[in-house]
C-alpha atoms as a PDB file:
ATOM      1  CA  MET A   1     -10.379  -4.166 -14.569  1.00  0.00           C
ATOM      2  CA  SER A   2     -11.645  -7.459 -13.541  1.00  0.00           C
ATOM      3  CA  LEU A   3     -15.211  -8.378 -13.148  1.00  0.00           C
ATOM      4  CA  LEU A   4     -17.182  -8.464  -9.957  1.00  0.00           C
ATOM      5  CA  PRO A   5     -18.485 -11.817  -9.147  1.00  0.00           C
ATOM      6  CA  ASN A   6     -22.417 -12.230 -10.038  1.00  0.00           C
ATOM      7  CA  SER A   7     -24.923 -12.449  -7.215  1.00  0.00           C
ATOM      8  CA  HIS A   8     -25.516 -15.903  -6.339  1.00  0.00           C
ATOM      9  CA  THR A   9     -25.868 -18.010  -3.028  1.00  0.00           C
ATOM     10  CA  GLU A  10     -23.235 -20.301  -1.753  1.00  0.00           C
ATOM     11  CA  PRO A  11     -24.153 -23.916  -0.589  1.00  0.00           C
ATOM     12  CA  ASP A  12     -23.841 -22.922   3.007  1.00  0.00           C
ATOM     13  CA  GLY A  13     -26.611 -20.460   2.661  1.00  0.00           C
ATOM     14  CA  SER A  14     -24.579 -17.427   2.543  1.00  0.00           C
ATOM     15  CA  ALA A  15     -25.240 -14.782  -0.281  1.00  0.00           C
ATOM     16  CA  VAL A  16     -22.961 -12.891  -2.641  1.00  0.00           C
ATOM     17  CA  ILE A  17     -24.537  -9.770  -3.033  1.00  0.00           C
ATOM     18  CA  ARG A  18     -23.988  -6.324  -5.082  1.00  0.00           C
ATOM     19  CA  VAL A  19     -24.670  -3.163  -3.427  1.00  0.00           C
ATOM     20  CA  LEU A  20     -24.824   0.010  -5.499  1.00  0.00           C
ATOM     21  CA  SER A  21     -24.887   3.603  -3.677  1.00  0.00           C
ATOM     22  CA  TYR A  22     -26.186   6.399  -6.076  1.00  0.00           C
ATOM     23  CA  ASN A  23     -27.122  10.031  -5.829  1.00  0.00           C
ATOM     24  CA  ILE A  24     -29.468  10.567  -8.349  1.00  0.00           C
ATOM     25  CA  ARG A  25     -30.142  14.679  -7.921  1.00  0.00           C
ATOM     26  CA  SER A  26     -34.153  14.467  -7.724  1.00  0.00           C
ATOM     27  CA  LEU A  27     -34.132  12.717 -11.449  1.00  0.00           C
ATOM     28  CA  ARG A  28     -33.076  16.382 -13.067  1.00  0.00           C
ATOM     29  CA  ASP A  29     -31.045  14.520 -15.505  1.00  0.00           C
ATOM     30  CA  ASP A  30     -31.023  11.846 -18.071  1.00  0.00           C
ATOM     31  CA  THR A  31     -33.280   9.203 -16.363  1.00  0.00           C
ATOM     32  CA  ASP A  32     -32.951   6.777 -19.478  1.00  0.00           C
ATOM     33  CA  ALA A  33     -29.183   7.046 -18.799  1.00  0.00           C
ATOM     34  CA  LEU A  34     -29.593   6.588 -14.970  1.00  0.00           C
ATOM     35  CA  ALA A  35     -31.573   3.615 -15.450  1.00  0.00           C
ATOM     36  CA  ARG A  36     -29.047   2.137 -17.989  1.00  0.00           C
ATOM     37  CA  VAL A  37     -26.297   2.425 -15.442  1.00  0.00           C
ATOM     38  CA  ILE A  38     -28.317   0.762 -12.803  1.00  0.00           C
ATOM     39  CA  LYS A  39     -29.638  -1.995 -14.594  1.00  0.00           C
ATOM     40  CA  ALA A  40     -26.029  -2.570 -16.241  1.00  0.00           C
ATOM     41  CA  CYS A  41     -24.590  -2.839 -12.506  1.00  0.00           C
ATOM     42  CA  ALA A  42     -27.184  -5.901 -11.591  1.00  0.00           C
ATOM     43  CA  PRO A  43     -27.708  -4.921  -7.909  1.00  0.00           C
ATOM     44  CA  ASP A  44     -29.391  -6.802  -5.302  1.00  0.00           C
ATOM     45  CA  LEU A  45     -29.920  -3.234  -3.503  1.00  0.00           C
ATOM     46  CA  VAL A  46     -29.484   0.167  -4.216  1.00  0.00           C
ATOM     47  CA  LEU A  47     -29.049   2.852  -1.796  1.00  0.00           C
ATOM     48  CA  ILE A  48     -30.501   6.132  -3.487  1.00  0.00           C
ATOM     49  CA  GLN A  49     -29.895   9.706  -2.500  1.00  0.00           C
ATOM     50  CA  GLU A  50     -31.738  12.815  -3.452  1.00  0.00           C
ATOM     51  CA  ALA A  51     -34.966  10.587  -4.530  1.00  0.00           C
ATOM     52  CA  PRO A  52     -37.705  12.766  -5.838  1.00  0.00           C
ATOM     53  CA  ARG A  53     -39.333  14.744  -3.046  1.00  0.00           C
ATOM     54  CA  PHE A  54     -42.214  16.481  -4.490  1.00  0.00           C
ATOM     55  CA  PHE A  55     -44.959  16.499  -6.704  1.00  0.00           C
ATOM     56  CA  ARG A  56     -45.589  12.739  -7.589  1.00  0.00           C
ATOM     57  CA  TRP A  57     -42.517  11.477  -6.165  1.00  0.00           C
ATOM     58  CA  ARG A  58     -43.767   7.832  -5.748  1.00  0.00           C
ATOM     59  CA  LYS A  59     -44.339   7.451  -9.251  1.00  0.00           C
ATOM     60  CA  LYS A  60     -41.169   9.026 -10.264  1.00  0.00           C
ATOM     61  CA  LEU A  61     -39.252   6.620  -8.223  1.00  0.00           C
ATOM     62  CA  ALA A  62     -41.331   3.707  -9.115  1.00  0.00           C
ATOM     63  CA  ARG A  63     -40.626   4.419 -12.997  1.00  0.00           C
ATOM     64  CA  LEU A  64     -36.844   4.614 -11.934  1.00  0.00           C
ATOM     65  CA  ALA A  65     -37.382   1.077 -10.244  1.00  0.00           C
ATOM     66  CA  LEU A  66     -39.390  -0.290 -13.079  1.00  0.00           C
ATOM     67  CA  ALA A  67     -36.885   0.816 -16.051  1.00  0.00           C
ATOM     68  CA  SER A  68     -33.828  -0.859 -13.651  1.00  0.00           C
ATOM     69  CA  ASP A  69     -35.734  -4.018 -13.219  1.00  0.00           C
ATOM     70  CA  LEU A  70     -36.032  -3.515  -9.615  1.00  0.00           C
ATOM     71  CA  VAL A  71     -38.853  -2.303  -6.898  1.00  0.00           C
ATOM     72  CA  VAL A  72     -39.155   0.186  -4.575  1.00  0.00           C
ATOM     73  CA  VAL A  73     -38.349  -0.852  -0.814  1.00  0.00           C
ATOM     74  CA  THR A  74     -38.574   2.591   1.338  1.00  0.00           C
ATOM     75  CA  GLY A  75     -37.875   6.112   1.399  1.00  0.00           C
ATOM     76  CA  GLY A  76     -37.899   9.131  -0.930  1.00  0.00           C
ATOM     77  CA  ALA A  77     -39.984  12.396   0.425  1.00  0.00           C
ATOM     78  CA  THR A  78     -40.616  10.424   3.658  1.00  0.00           C
ATOM     79  CA  THR A  79     -36.848  10.589   4.629  1.00  0.00           C
ATOM     80  CA  THR A  80     -36.249  14.095   2.691  1.00  0.00           C
ATOM     81  CA  GLY A  81     -34.274  12.092   0.009  1.00  0.00           C
ATOM     82  CA  PRO A  82     -32.428   8.581   0.968  1.00  0.00           C
ATOM     83  CA  ALA A  83     -34.632   5.510  -0.550  1.00  0.00           C
ATOM     84  CA  ILE A  84     -33.811   1.986  -1.069  1.00  0.00           C
ATOM     85  CA  LEU A  85     -34.305  -0.108  -4.264  1.00  0.00           C
ATOM     86  CA  SER A  86     -34.014  -3.707  -4.339  1.00  0.00           C
ATOM     87  CA  SER A  87     -34.061  -6.675  -7.001  1.00  0.00           C
ATOM     88  CA  LEU A  88     -36.819  -9.304  -6.641  1.00  0.00           C
ATOM     89  CA  ARG A  89     -34.156 -11.561  -5.214  1.00  0.00           C
ATOM     90  CA  VAL A  90     -34.509  -9.802  -1.811  1.00  0.00           C
ATOM     91  CA  GLY A  91     -37.324 -10.546   0.725  1.00  0.00           C
ATOM     92  CA  VAL A  92     -38.231  -7.383   2.745  1.00  0.00           C
ATOM     93  CA  GLU A  93     -38.756  -8.337   6.624  1.00  0.00           C
ATOM     94  CA  ARG A  94     -39.698  -4.569   7.568  1.00  0.00           C
ATOM     95  CA  THR A  95     -38.787  -1.130   6.788  1.00  0.00           C
ATOM     96  CA  GLU A  96     -38.557   2.348   8.780  1.00  0.00           C
ATOM     97  CA  ASP A  97     -38.117   5.718   7.499  1.00  0.00           C
ATOM     98  CA  VAL A  98     -36.182   8.246   9.821  1.00  0.00           C
ATOM     99  CA  LEU A  99     -36.234  11.648  10.140  1.00  0.00           C
ATOM    100  CA  LEU A 100     -33.062  13.384  11.941  1.00  0.00           C
ATOM    101  CA  PRO A 101     -33.546  16.625  14.178  1.00  0.00           C
ATOM    102  CA  PRO A 102     -33.772  19.610  11.945  1.00  0.00           C
ATOM    103  CA  THR A 103     -31.209  22.280  12.260  1.00  0.00           C
ATOM    104  CA  PRO A 104     -32.692  25.855  11.509  1.00  0.00           C
ATOM    105  CA  GLY A 105     -31.658  27.307   7.897  1.00  0.00           C
ATOM    106  CA  LEU A 106     -30.492  23.634   6.716  1.00  0.00           C
ATOM    107  CA  HIS A 107     -31.925  21.131   4.792  1.00  0.00           C
ATOM    108  CA  ARG A 108     -33.525  18.271   7.174  1.00  0.00           C
ATOM    109  CA  ARG A 109     -32.162  14.749   6.568  1.00  0.00           C
ATOM    110  CA  GLY A 110     -33.077  11.607   7.242  1.00  0.00           C
ATOM    111  CA  PHE A 111     -32.193   7.764   6.773  1.00  0.00           C
ATOM    112  CA  ALA A 112     -33.883   5.106   4.600  1.00  0.00           C
ATOM    113  CA  THR A 113     -33.606   1.735   6.239  1.00  0.00           C
ATOM    114  CA  ALA A 114     -34.851  -1.819   6.036  1.00  0.00           C
ATOM    115  CA  VAL A 115     -34.360  -5.106   7.428  1.00  0.00           C
ATOM    116  CA  VAL A 116     -33.953  -7.827   4.196  1.00  0.00           C
ATOM    117  CA  ARG A 117     -33.877 -11.311   3.600  1.00  0.00           C
ATOM    118  CA  ILE A 118     -31.406 -12.845   0.779  1.00  0.00           C
ATOM    119  CA  ALA A 119     -31.211 -16.668   0.547  1.00  0.00           C
ATOM    120  CA  GLY A 120     -30.147 -17.717   3.677  1.00  0.00           C
ATOM    121  CA  THR A 121     -29.107 -14.253   5.017  1.00  0.00           C
ATOM    122  CA  ARG A 122     -30.436 -11.777   7.261  1.00  0.00           C
ATOM    123  CA  LEU A 123     -29.284  -8.209   6.579  1.00  0.00           C
ATOM    124  CA  GLY A 124     -29.933  -4.696   7.736  1.00  0.00           C
ATOM    125  CA  VAL A 125     -29.576  -1.937   5.303  1.00  0.00           C
ATOM    126  CA  LEU A 126     -29.415   1.921   5.612  1.00  0.00           C
ATOM    127  CA  SER A 127     -28.748   4.643   3.003  1.00  0.00           C
ATOM    128  CA  CYS A 128     -28.351   8.023   3.900  1.00  0.00           C
ATOM    129  CA  HIS A 129     -27.188  11.765   2.585  1.00  0.00           C
ATOM    130  CA  LEU A 130     -25.092  13.614   5.389  1.00  0.00           C
ATOM    131  CA  SER A 131     -25.187  17.280   5.804  1.00  0.00           C
ATOM    132  CA  LEU A 132     -23.156  19.728   4.094  1.00  0.00           C
ATOM    133  CA  GLN A 133     -22.194  21.345   7.231  1.00  0.00           C
ATOM    134  CA  LYS A 134     -19.329  19.729   9.365  1.00  0.00           C
ATOM    135  CA  GLU A 135     -20.676  19.661  12.837  1.00  0.00           C
ATOM    136  CA  GLU A 136     -23.829  18.602  12.237  1.00  0.00           C
ATOM    137  CA  ARG A 137     -22.597  15.983   9.723  1.00  0.00           C
ATOM    138  CA  LEU A 138     -20.260  14.318  12.345  1.00  0.00           C
ATOM    139  CA  GLU A 139     -23.466  14.545  14.561  1.00  0.00           C
ATOM    140  CA  GLN A 140     -25.263  12.244  11.935  1.00  0.00           C
ATOM    141  CA  SER A 141     -22.491  10.101  11.495  1.00  0.00           C
ATOM    142  CA  GLY A 142     -23.176   9.183  15.380  1.00  0.00           C
ATOM    143  CA  MET A 143     -26.624   8.692  14.773  1.00  0.00           C
ATOM    144  CA  LEU A 144     -26.301   6.508  11.725  1.00  0.00           C
ATOM    145  CA  LEU A 145     -24.040   3.932  13.992  1.00  0.00           C
ATOM    146  CA  ASP A 146     -26.649   4.090  16.908  1.00  0.00           C
ATOM    147  CA  ARG A 147     -29.368   3.414  14.307  1.00  0.00           C
ATOM    148  CA  LEU A 148     -27.605   0.569  12.838  1.00  0.00           C
ATOM    149  CA  ALA A 149     -26.907  -0.961  16.619  1.00  0.00           C
ATOM    150  CA  GLY A 150     -30.667  -0.715  17.141  1.00  0.00           C
ATOM    151  CA  MET A 151     -31.953  -2.686  14.360  1.00  0.00           C
ATOM    152  CA  GLY A 152     -31.109  -6.275  15.883  1.00  0.00           C
ATOM    153  CA  VAL A 153     -29.377  -7.586  12.988  1.00  0.00           C
ATOM    154  CA  GLU A 154     -25.891  -9.172  13.220  1.00  0.00           C
ATOM    155  CA  HIS A 155     -24.717  -8.062   9.640  1.00  0.00           C
ATOM    156  CA  MET A 156     -25.771  -4.746   7.967  1.00  0.00           C
ATOM    157  CA  VAL A 157     -24.614  -2.356   4.974  1.00  0.00           C
ATOM    158  CA  ALA A 158     -25.197   1.181   4.812  1.00  0.00           C
ATOM    159  CA  GLY A 159     -23.907   3.804   2.285  1.00  0.00           C
ATOM    160  CA  GLY A 160     -24.692   6.869   0.867  1.00  0.00           C
ATOM    161  CA  ASP A 161     -23.327  10.730   0.178  1.00  0.00           C
ATOM    162  CA  LEU A 162     -21.486  11.732   3.163  1.00  0.00           C
ATOM    163  CA  ASN A 163     -20.775  14.997   1.739  1.00  0.00           C
ATOM    164  CA  GLU A 164     -17.331  14.646   3.226  1.00  0.00           C
ATOM    165  CA  ARG A 165     -13.727  12.701   2.222  1.00  0.00           C
ATOM    166  CA  PRO A 166     -12.323   9.727   3.839  1.00  0.00           C
ATOM    167  CA  ASP A 167      -9.891  11.766   6.117  1.00  0.00           C
ATOM    168  CA  GLY A 168     -13.128  14.022   7.359  1.00  0.00           C
ATOM    169  CA  PRO A 169     -14.225  13.587  10.941  1.00  0.00           C
ATOM    170  CA  ALA A 170     -17.605  11.974   9.869  1.00  0.00           C
ATOM    171  CA  PHE A 171     -16.029   9.488   7.567  1.00  0.00           C
ATOM    172  CA  ARG A 172     -13.538   8.416  10.189  1.00  0.00           C
ATOM    173  CA  ARG A 173     -15.881   7.864  13.240  1.00  0.00           C
ATOM    174  CA  LEU A 174     -18.084   5.766  10.402  1.00  0.00           C
ATOM    175  CA  THR A 175     -14.893   3.494   9.503  1.00  0.00           C
ATOM    176  CA  ALA A 176     -14.064   3.182  13.462  1.00  0.00           C
ATOM    177  CA  GLY A 177     -16.998   0.781  13.418  1.00  0.00           C
ATOM    178  CA  LEU A 178     -17.755  -0.290  10.119  1.00  0.00           C
ATOM    179  CA  THR A 179     -15.610  -1.484   7.126  1.00  0.00           C
ATOM    180  CA  ASP A 180     -15.015   1.003   4.568  1.00  0.00           C
ATOM    181  CA  CYS A 181     -15.770  -0.975   1.348  1.00  0.00           C
ATOM    182  CA  ARG A 182     -13.546   0.489  -1.262  1.00  0.00           C
ATOM    183  CA  ALA A 183     -10.614   0.824   1.383  1.00  0.00           C
ATOM    184  CA  ALA A 184     -11.136  -2.893   1.825  1.00  0.00           C
ATOM    185  CA  ALA A 185     -10.831  -4.384  -1.663  1.00  0.00           C
ATOM    186  CA  PRO A 186     -10.311  -1.665  -4.089  1.00  0.00           C
ATOM    187  CA  TRP A 187     -12.044  -1.922  -7.522  1.00  0.00           C
ATOM    188  CA  GLY A 188     -12.885   0.189 -10.403  1.00  0.00           C
ATOM    189  CA  GLY A 189     -12.878   3.935 -10.290  1.00  0.00           C
ATOM    190  CA  GLU A 190     -11.952   5.938  -6.663  1.00  0.00           C
ATOM    191  CA  HIS A 191     -13.534   9.088  -6.700  1.00  0.00           C
ATOM    192  CA  THR A 192     -17.316   9.738  -6.970  1.00  0.00           C
ATOM    193  CA  TRP A 193     -17.696  13.680  -7.452  1.00  0.00           C
ATOM    194  CA  THR A 194     -17.911  15.040 -10.221  1.00  0.00           C
ATOM    195  CA  PRO A 195     -18.422  12.930 -13.248  1.00  0.00           C
ATOM    196  CA  ALA A 196     -17.035  15.409 -15.491  1.00  0.00           C
ATOM    197  CA  ASP A 197     -14.057  15.562 -13.429  1.00  0.00           C
ATOM    198  CA  PRO A 198     -13.899  13.142 -10.658  1.00  0.00           C
ATOM    199  CA  TYR A 199     -11.411  14.250  -7.880  1.00  0.00           C
ATOM    200  CA  GLN A 200     -12.613  13.360  -4.383  1.00  0.00           C
ATOM    201  CA  ARG A 201     -14.434  10.598  -2.730  1.00  0.00           C
ATOM    202  CA  ILE A 202     -17.414  11.682  -0.868  1.00  0.00           C
ATOM    203  CA  ASP A 203     -19.717   8.575  -1.435  1.00  0.00           C
ATOM    204  CA  ALA A 204     -19.114   5.162   0.110  1.00  0.00           C
ATOM    205  CA  ILE A 205     -20.440   1.945   1.032  1.00  0.00           C
ATOM    206  CA  PHE A 206     -19.828   0.250   4.675  1.00  0.00           C
ATOM    207  CA  ALA A 207     -20.275  -2.950   6.137  1.00  0.00           C
ATOM    208  CA  THR A 208     -20.319  -4.676   9.511  1.00  0.00           C
ATOM    209  CA  LYS A 209     -17.271  -6.829  10.413  1.00  0.00           C
ATOM    210  CA  GLY A 210     -18.490 -10.398   9.487  1.00  0.00           C
ATOM    211  CA  ILE A 211     -19.270  -9.363   5.875  1.00  0.00           C
ATOM    212  CA  GLU A 212     -16.614 -10.353   3.493  1.00  0.00           C
ATOM    213  CA  VAL A 213     -15.776  -7.500   0.739  1.00  0.00           C
ATOM    214  CA  LEU A 214     -15.240  -9.042  -2.748  1.00  0.00           C
ATOM    215  CA  GLY A 215     -14.711  -5.385  -4.331  1.00  0.00           C
ATOM    216  CA  CYS A 216     -15.737  -1.757  -4.251  1.00  0.00           C
ATOM    217  CA  GLY A 217     -15.507   1.288  -6.407  1.00  0.00           C
ATOM    218  CA  VAL A 218     -17.044   3.396  -9.416  1.00  0.00           C
ATOM    219  CA  PRO A 219     -18.036   0.994 -12.126  1.00  0.00           C
ATOM    220  CA  SER A 220     -16.658   2.990 -14.866  1.00  0.00           C
ATOM    221  CA  ASP A 221     -15.351   0.284 -17.285  1.00  0.00           C
ATOM    222  CA  HIS A 222     -18.049  -2.089 -15.841  1.00  0.00           C
ATOM    223  CA  PRO A 223     -19.606  -3.913 -18.780  1.00  0.00           C
ATOM    224  CA  GLY A 224     -22.699  -1.954 -20.162  1.00  0.00           C
ATOM    225  CA  VAL A 225     -21.596   1.220 -18.082  1.00  0.00           C
ATOM    226  CA  SER A 226     -20.435   3.889 -20.571  1.00  0.00           C
ATOM    227  CA  ASP A 227     -18.779   7.243 -19.353  1.00  0.00           C
ATOM    228  CA  ALA A 228     -21.438   9.222 -21.578  1.00  0.00           C
ATOM    229  CA  ASP A 229     -24.169   7.368 -19.563  1.00  0.00           C
ATOM    230  CA  LEU A 230     -22.391   8.308 -16.389  1.00  0.00           C
ATOM    231  CA  ARG A 231     -21.874  12.105 -17.221  1.00  0.00           C
ATOM    232  CA  ALA A 232     -25.412  12.400 -18.186  1.00  0.00           C
ATOM    233  CA  ALA A 233     -27.095  10.156 -15.414  1.00  0.00           C
ATOM    234  CA  THR A 234     -26.682  12.761 -12.458  1.00  0.00           C
ATOM    235  CA  ASP A 235     -23.875  14.785 -10.809  1.00  0.00           C
ATOM    236  CA  HIS A 236     -22.244  11.657  -8.926  1.00  0.00           C
ATOM    237  CA  LEU A 237     -20.794   8.493  -9.727  1.00  0.00           C
ATOM    238  CA  PRO A 238     -22.101   5.579  -8.470  1.00  0.00           C
ATOM    239  CA  VAL A 239     -20.472   3.189  -5.919  1.00  0.00           C
ATOM    240  CA  LEU A 240     -20.730  -0.546  -6.487  1.00  0.00           C
ATOM    241  CA  ALA A 241     -19.796  -3.330  -4.202  1.00  0.00           C
ATOM    242  CA  ALA A 242     -19.811  -6.880  -4.233  1.00  0.00           C
ATOM    243  CA  LEU A 243     -20.041  -8.560  -0.436  1.00  0.00           C
ATOM    244  CA  ARG A 244     -20.483 -12.071   0.748  1.00  0.00           C
ATOM    245  CA  VAL A 245     -22.875 -12.158   3.882  1.00  0.00           C
ATOM    246  CA  PRO A 246     -22.809 -14.835   5.997  1.00  0.00           C
ATOM    247  CA  ALA A 247     -25.865 -17.054   6.436  1.00  0.00           C
ATOM    248  CA  SER A 248     -28.153 -16.220   9.569  1.00  0.00           C
END
């Protein structure tokens, strides 16, 4: 497997960045293995799903960030699970935690969002975890697109656990307006669930059309990422993308 480019700034001010999307199952598994996987991927941004939501959730998320050489940007219990972490390369302009309309009997969902600056670029970022219920999931995919459209930023990335395969209606609604990074530039593994026997892709990273996708997939054979750690860390496999974001 070829290596993804490292994060760097181009002479014209554009930025090559690494974005990781990861469902961490509320840190109920091997947190040391989880931190090793994240750290080995050397991401600029991490789009977290199922961050801790209960007792001392802020401290637990901060400990994961510290162990991964990252900082917490936003999200967690305030979004019912989605969160954003970043490296110190990233400057945070603003954040907003969004709660979506509740459906009786179903877990309430939310978006963690931020506008950040990296080198000469300005980037909108959104982490999501869509519903298990098909109709609600489709509605939430429309809300995601609306939220991105309202961020007032030209270039944006979104990612998360969609609870749906690429041929599903919510996934297809997203790809009608955004680039599915894995489909645009396949790299690494494809399937994200389950780690013990991956057979379907339900986690993804998307980018707006002006962003160049350099590679995207599960970092199974990435240097420093072991199969044992991927299996122990959580019940999803992560998605890693390398993107070139134009200067703003």
